[in-house]
C-alpha atoms as a PDB file:
ATOM      1  CA  MET A   1      33.016 -28.783  60.990  1.00  0.00           C
ATOM      2  CA  LYS A   2      32.275 -31.224  58.182  1.00  0.00           C
ATOM      3  CA  GLU A   3      31.389 -30.760  54.551  1.00  0.00           C
ATOM      4  CA  ILE A   4      29.098 -33.432  53.172  1.00  0.00           C
ATOM      5  CA  ARG A   5      28.912 -33.554  49.389  1.00  0.00           C
ATOM      6  CA  ALA A   6      26.482 -36.019  47.852  1.00  0.00           C
ATOM      7  CA  TYR A   7      25.581 -36.863  44.272  1.00  0.00           C
ATOM      8  CA  VAL A   8      22.041 -38.246  44.162  1.00  0.00           C
ATOM      9  CA  LYS A   9      19.651 -39.224  41.384  1.00  0.00           C
ATOM     10  CA  GLY A  10      17.465 -36.328  40.311  1.00  0.00           C
ATOM     11  CA  GLU A  11      14.263 -38.184  41.100  1.00  0.00           C
ATOM     12  CA  ARG A  12      15.436 -38.782  44.704  1.00  0.00           C
ATOM     13  CA  PHE A  13      16.429 -35.164  45.387  1.00  0.00           C
ATOM     14  CA  ASP A  14      13.068 -33.995  46.771  1.00  0.00           C
ATOM     15  CA  ALA A  15      13.053 -36.803  49.345  1.00  0.00           C
ATOM     16  CA  VAL A  16      16.660 -36.020  50.324  1.00  0.00           C
ATOM     17  CA  ALA A  17      15.961 -32.283  50.651  1.00  0.00           C
ATOM     18  CA  HIS A  18      12.878 -32.938  52.769  1.00  0.00           C
ATOM     19  CA  ALA A  19      14.855 -35.284  55.043  1.00  0.00           C
ATOM     20  CA  LEU A  20      17.633 -32.710  55.476  1.00  0.00           C
ATOM     21  CA  ARG A  21      15.095 -30.038  56.466  1.00  0.00           C
ATOM     22  CA  SER A  22      14.102 -32.259  59.380  1.00  0.00           C
ATOM     23  CA  VAL A  23      17.650 -32.561  60.787  1.00  0.00           C
ATOM     24  CA  GLU A  24      17.482 -30.414  63.914  1.00  0.00           C
ATOM     25  CA  GLY A  25      20.321 -27.904  64.074  1.00  0.00           C
ATOM     26  CA  LEU A  26      21.159 -28.069  60.357  1.00  0.00           C
ATOM     27  CA  THR A  27      21.234 -24.506  59.062  1.00  0.00           C
ATOM     28  CA  GLY A  28      21.064 -25.115  55.326  1.00  0.00           C
ATOM     29  CA  MET A  29      22.155 -26.901  52.196  1.00  0.00           C
ATOM     30  CA  SER A  30      22.991 -26.082  48.592  1.00  0.00           C
ATOM     31  CA  ALA A  31      22.069 -28.076  45.515  1.00  0.00           C
ATOM     32  CA  VAL A  32      22.870 -27.913  41.826  1.00  0.00           C
ATOM     33  CA  ARG A  33      21.980 -30.188  38.918  1.00  0.00           C
ATOM     34  CA  VAL A  34      25.069 -31.811  37.415  1.00  0.00           C
ATOM     35  CA  GLU A  35      25.935 -34.194  34.586  1.00  0.00           C
ATOM     36  CA  GLY A  36      28.753 -36.680  34.484  1.00  0.00           C
ATOM     37  CA  PHE A  37      29.638 -40.320  34.175  1.00  0.00           C
ATOM     38  CA  GLY A  38      30.663 -43.112  36.489  1.00  0.00           C
ATOM     39  CA  ARG A  39      31.931 -46.653  36.241  1.00  0.00           C
ATOM     40  CA  SER A  40      28.642 -48.086  35.027  1.00  0.00           C
ATOM     41  CA  GLN A  41      28.709 -46.081  31.796  1.00  0.00           C
ATOM     42  CA  HIS A  42      31.701 -48.001  30.461  1.00  0.00           C
ATOM     43  CA  LEU A  43      30.471 -51.530  31.107  1.00  0.00           C
ATOM     44  CA  GLY A  44      30.490 -53.519  27.885  1.00  0.00           C
ATOM     45  CA  ARG A  45      31.570 -50.567  25.747  1.00  0.00           C
ATOM     46  CA  ARG A  46      34.671 -49.570  23.825  1.00  0.00           C
ATOM     47  CA  HIS A  47      37.630 -47.960  25.537  1.00  0.00           C
ATOM     48  CA  PRO A  48      36.580 -44.498  26.858  1.00  0.00           C
ATOM     49  CA  ALA A  49      39.105 -42.742  24.574  1.00  0.00           C
ATOM     50  CA  GLU A  50      37.467 -44.332  21.516  1.00  0.00           C
ATOM     51  CA  GLN A  51      33.912 -43.252  22.192  1.00  0.00           C
ATOM     52  CA  ASP A  52      32.097 -39.965  22.012  1.00  0.00           C
ATOM     53  CA  LEU A  53      31.569 -38.258  25.342  1.00  0.00           C
ATOM     54  CA  GLU A  54      28.129 -39.277  26.528  1.00  0.00           C
ATOM     55  CA  LEU A  55      26.963 -38.007  29.901  1.00  0.00           C
ATOM     56  CA  LEU A  56      24.546 -39.990  31.981  1.00  0.00           C
ATOM     57  CA  ASP A  57      21.250 -38.602  33.170  1.00  0.00           C
ATOM     58  CA  SER A  58      21.621 -35.695  35.516  1.00  0.00           C
ATOM     59  CA  HIS A  59      22.217 -36.015  39.221  1.00  0.00           C
ATOM     60  CA  VAL A  60      21.920 -33.385  41.909  1.00  0.00           C
ATOM     61  CA  LYS A  61      24.985 -32.372  43.901  1.00  0.00           C
ATOM     62  CA  VAL A  62      23.963 -31.627  47.476  1.00  0.00           C
ATOM     63  CA  GLU A  63      26.390 -29.728  49.711  1.00  0.00           C
ATOM     64  CA  VAL A  64      26.049 -29.322  53.452  1.00  0.00           C
ATOM     65  CA  VAL A  65      28.486 -27.802  55.954  1.00  0.00           C
ATOM     66  CA  CYS A  66      27.591 -28.638  59.535  1.00  0.00           C
ATOM     67  CA  ARG A  67      28.923 -29.079  63.043  1.00  0.00           C
ATOM     68  CA  ASP A  68      30.786 -32.357  63.568  1.00  0.00           C
ATOM     69  CA  GLU A  69      28.055 -33.798  65.779  1.00  0.00           C
ATOM     70  CA  LEU A  70      25.459 -33.491  62.978  1.00  0.00           C
ATOM     71  CA  ALA A  71      27.533 -35.155  60.250  1.00  0.00           C
ATOM     72  CA  GLU A  72      26.402 -38.749  60.819  1.00  0.00           C
ATOM     73  CA  GLN A  73      22.756 -37.699  61.021  1.00  0.00           C
ATOM     74  CA  VAL A  74      23.102 -35.784  57.724  1.00  0.00           C
ATOM     75  CA  VAL A  75      24.804 -38.752  56.029  1.00  0.00           C
ATOM     76  CA  ALA A  76      22.104 -41.124  57.321  1.00  0.00           C
ATOM     77  CA  ALA A  77      19.326 -38.843  56.029  1.00  0.00           C
ATOM     78  CA  ILE A  78      20.904 -38.673  52.573  1.00  0.00           C
ATOM     79  CA  LEU A  79      21.648 -42.393  52.425  1.00  0.00           C
ATOM     80  CA  THR A  80      18.184 -43.430  53.578  1.00  0.00           C
ATOM     81  CA  HIS A  81      16.342 -41.187  51.132  1.00  0.00           C
ATOM     82  CA  ALA A  82      18.656 -41.437  48.091  1.00  0.00           C
ATOM     83  CA  GLN A  83      19.237 -45.186  48.080  1.00  0.00           C
ATOM     84  CA  THR A  84      17.255 -47.282  45.595  1.00  0.00           C
ATOM     85  CA  GLY A  85      19.634 -50.242  45.667  1.00  0.00           C
ATOM     86  CA  LEU A  86      20.458 -49.817  41.988  1.00  0.00           C
ATOM     87  CA  ARG A  87      23.824 -49.049  40.429  1.00  0.00           C
ATOM     88  CA  GLY A  88      24.194 -45.311  39.880  1.00  0.00           C
ATOM     89  CA  ASP A  89      22.474 -44.211  43.100  1.00  0.00           C
ATOM     90  CA  GLY A  90      25.388 -41.804  43.650  1.00  0.00           C
ATOM     91  CA  LYS A  91      28.081 -41.125  46.227  1.00  0.00           C
ATOM     92  CA  ILE A  92      28.506 -39.302  49.524  1.00  0.00           C
ATOM     93  CA  TYR A  93      31.806 -37.656  50.470  1.00  0.00           C
ATOM     94  CA  VAL A  94      32.619 -36.306  53.930  1.00  0.00           C
ATOM     95  CA  SER A  95      35.485 -33.831  54.405  1.00  0.00           C
ATOM     96  CA  ARG A  96      36.856 -31.785  57.272  1.00  0.00           C
ATOM     97  CA  VAL A  97      36.368 -27.994  57.033  1.00  0.00           C
ATOM     98  CA  GLU A  98      39.137 -25.960  58.642  1.00  0.00           C
ATOM     99  CA  ASP A  99      37.199 -22.710  58.921  1.00  0.00           C
ATOM    100  CA  ALA A 100      34.059 -20.945  57.763  1.00  0.00           C
ATOM    101  CA  ILE A 101      33.437 -17.202  57.664  1.00  0.00           C
ATOM    102  CA  ARG A 102      30.019 -15.545  57.455  1.00  0.00           C
ATOM    103  CA  ILE A 103      30.591 -12.722  54.965  1.00  0.00           C
ATOM    104  CA  ALA A 104      27.891 -10.413  56.394  1.00  0.00           C
ATOM    105  CA  THR A 105      29.326 -10.368  59.932  1.00  0.00           C
ATOM    106  CA  GLY A 106      32.849 -11.763  59.730  1.00  0.00           C
ATOM    107  CA  GLU A 107      31.858 -14.431  62.258  1.00  0.00           C
ATOM    108  CA  ARG A 108      34.121 -17.495  62.065  1.00  0.00           C
ATOM    109  CA  GLY A 109      33.980 -21.154  63.019  1.00  0.00           C
ATOM    110  CA  ASP A 110      31.004 -23.219  64.110  1.00  0.00           C
ATOM    111  CA  GLY A 111      28.890 -20.143  64.760  1.00  0.00           C
ATOM    112  CA  SER A 112      29.061 -19.155  61.103  1.00  0.00           C
ATOM    113  CA  VAL A 113      27.441 -22.315  59.729  1.00  0.00           C
END
Protein backbone atom coordinates (compact mmCIF):
# COMPACT_ATOMS: atom_id res chain seq x y z
CA MET A 1 0.00 0.00 0.00
CA LYS A 2 1.01 3.62 -0.54
CA GLU A 3 0.20 6.80 1.30
CA ILE A 4 0.03 9.86 -0.92
CA ARG A 5 0.15 13.16 0.94
CA ALA A 6 -0.25 16.32 -1.12
CA TYR A 7 -0.29 20.00 -0.22
CA VAL A 8 -2.29 21.91 -2.82
CA LYS A 9 -3.48 25.49 -3.16
CA GLY A 10 -6.91 26.00 -1.63
CA GLU A 11 -8.41 27.22 -4.89
CA ARG A 12 -7.29 24.01 -6.67
CA PHE A 13 -8.69 21.62 -4.05
CA ASP A 14 -12.15 21.17 -5.60
CA ALA A 15 -10.62 20.15 -8.93
CA VAL A 16 -8.25 17.73 -7.18
CA ALA A 17 -11.05 16.18 -5.10
CA HIS A 18 -13.24 15.76 -8.17
CA ALA A 19 -10.37 14.09 -10.06
CA LEU A 20 -9.70 11.70 -7.17
CA ARG A 21 -13.38 10.68 -7.07
CA SER A 22 -13.00 9.48 -10.65
CA VAL A 23 -10.05 7.16 -9.91
CA GLU A 24 -11.63 3.71 -10.18
CA GLY A 25 -10.85 1.55 -7.16
CA LEU A 26 -9.89 4.45 -4.87
CA THR A 27 -11.89 4.08 -1.67
CA GLY A 28 -11.47 7.53 -0.18
CA MET A 29 -9.37 10.50 0.79
CA SER A 30 -9.01 12.91 3.69
CA ALA A 31 -8.40 16.64 3.51
CA VAL A 32 -7.67 19.40 5.99
CA ARG A 33 -6.88 23.09 5.54
CA VAL A 34 -3.36 23.91 6.71
CA GLU A 35 -1.10 26.95 6.99
CA GLY A 36 2.65 27.05 6.68
CA PHE A 37 5.54 28.47 4.75
CA GLY A 38 7.91 27.28 2.07
CA ARG A 39 11.05 28.48 0.35
CA SER A 40 9.33 31.25 -1.57
CA GLN A 41 8.35 33.13 1.58
CA HIS A 42 11.96 33.97 2.41
CA LEU A 43 13.05 35.30 -0.98
CA GLY A 44 14.41 38.81 -0.62
CA ARG A 45 13.63 39.03 3.09
CA ARG A 46 15.62 39.15 6.31
CA HIS A 47 16.94 36.00 7.93
CA PRO A 48 13.97 33.86 9.12
CA ALA A 49 15.06 34.18 12.78
CA GLU A 50 14.85 37.98 12.52
CA GLN A 51 11.33 38.23 11.20
CA ASP A 52 7.92 37.70 12.70
CA LEU A 53 6.31 34.39 11.84
CA GLU A 54 4.10 35.02 8.85
CA LEU A 55 2.24 32.08 7.36
CA LEU A 56 1.38 31.99 3.70
CA ASP A 57 -2.15 31.60 2.44
CA SER A 58 -3.71 28.31 3.38
CA HIS A 59 -3.23 25.11 1.46
CA VAL A 60 -5.17 21.88 1.70
CA LYS A 61 -3.42 18.70 2.81
CA VAL A 62 -4.87 15.75 0.91
CA GLU A 63 -4.17 12.24 2.20
CA VAL A 64 -4.88 9.04 0.31
CA VAL A 65 -3.96 5.45 1.20
CA CYS A 66 -4.36 3.09 -1.73
CA ARG A 67 -3.21 -0.16 -3.28
CA ASP A 68 0.21 0.07 -4.93
CA GLU A 69 -1.23 -0.24 -8.43
CA LEU A 70 -3.35 2.91 -7.97
CA ALA A 71 -0.56 5.15 -6.66
CA GLU A 72 0.65 6.53 -10.00
CA GLN A 73 -2.91 7.23 -11.14
CA VAL A 74 -3.60 9.11 -7.88
CA VAL A 75 -0.38 11.13 -8.21
CA ALA A 76 -1.20 11.96 -11.84
CA ALA A 77 -4.72 13.11 -10.91
CA ILE A 78 -3.38 15.40 -8.18
CA LEU A 79 -0.56 16.76 -10.32
CA THR A 80 -2.78 17.44 -13.32
CA HIS A 81 -5.46 19.25 -11.34
CA ALA A 82 -3.30 21.09 -8.77
CA GLN A 83 -0.60 22.41 -11.09
CA THR A 84 -0.82 26.06 -12.16
CA GLY A 85 2.85 26.35 -13.11
CA LEU A 86 3.45 28.99 -10.44
CA ARG A 87 5.77 28.80 -7.46
CA GLY A 88 3.86 27.61 -4.39
CA ASP A 89 1.66 25.07 -6.18
CA GLY A 90 2.54 22.59 -3.41
CA LYS A 91 4.16 19.19 -3.02
CA ILE A 92 3.24 15.52 -3.32
CA TYR A 93 4.86 12.89 -1.10
CA VAL A 94 4.53 9.14 -1.62
CA SER A 95 5.32 6.72 1.22
CA ARG A 96 5.06 2.99 1.76
CA VAL A 97 2.42 1.83 4.28
CA GLU A 98 3.34 -1.34 6.16
CA ASP A 99 -0.16 -2.20 7.33
CA ALA A 100 -3.67 -0.82 7.67
CA ILE A 101 -6.40 -2.04 10.02
CA ARG A 102 -10.11 -1.32 9.63
CA ILE A 103 -11.21 -0.57 13.20
CA ALA A 104 -14.82 -1.75 12.73
CA THR A 105 -13.88 -5.25 11.56
CA GLY A 106 -10.21 -5.77 12.40
CA GLU A 107 -9.55 -6.47 8.71
CA ARG A 108 -5.90 -5.87 7.78
CA GLY A 109 -3.88 -5.14 4.67
CA ASP A 110 -5.09 -4.17 1.22
CA GLY A 111 -8.65 -5.21 1.98
CA SER A 112 -8.91 -2.59 4.71
CA VAL A 113 -8.26 0.42 2.48
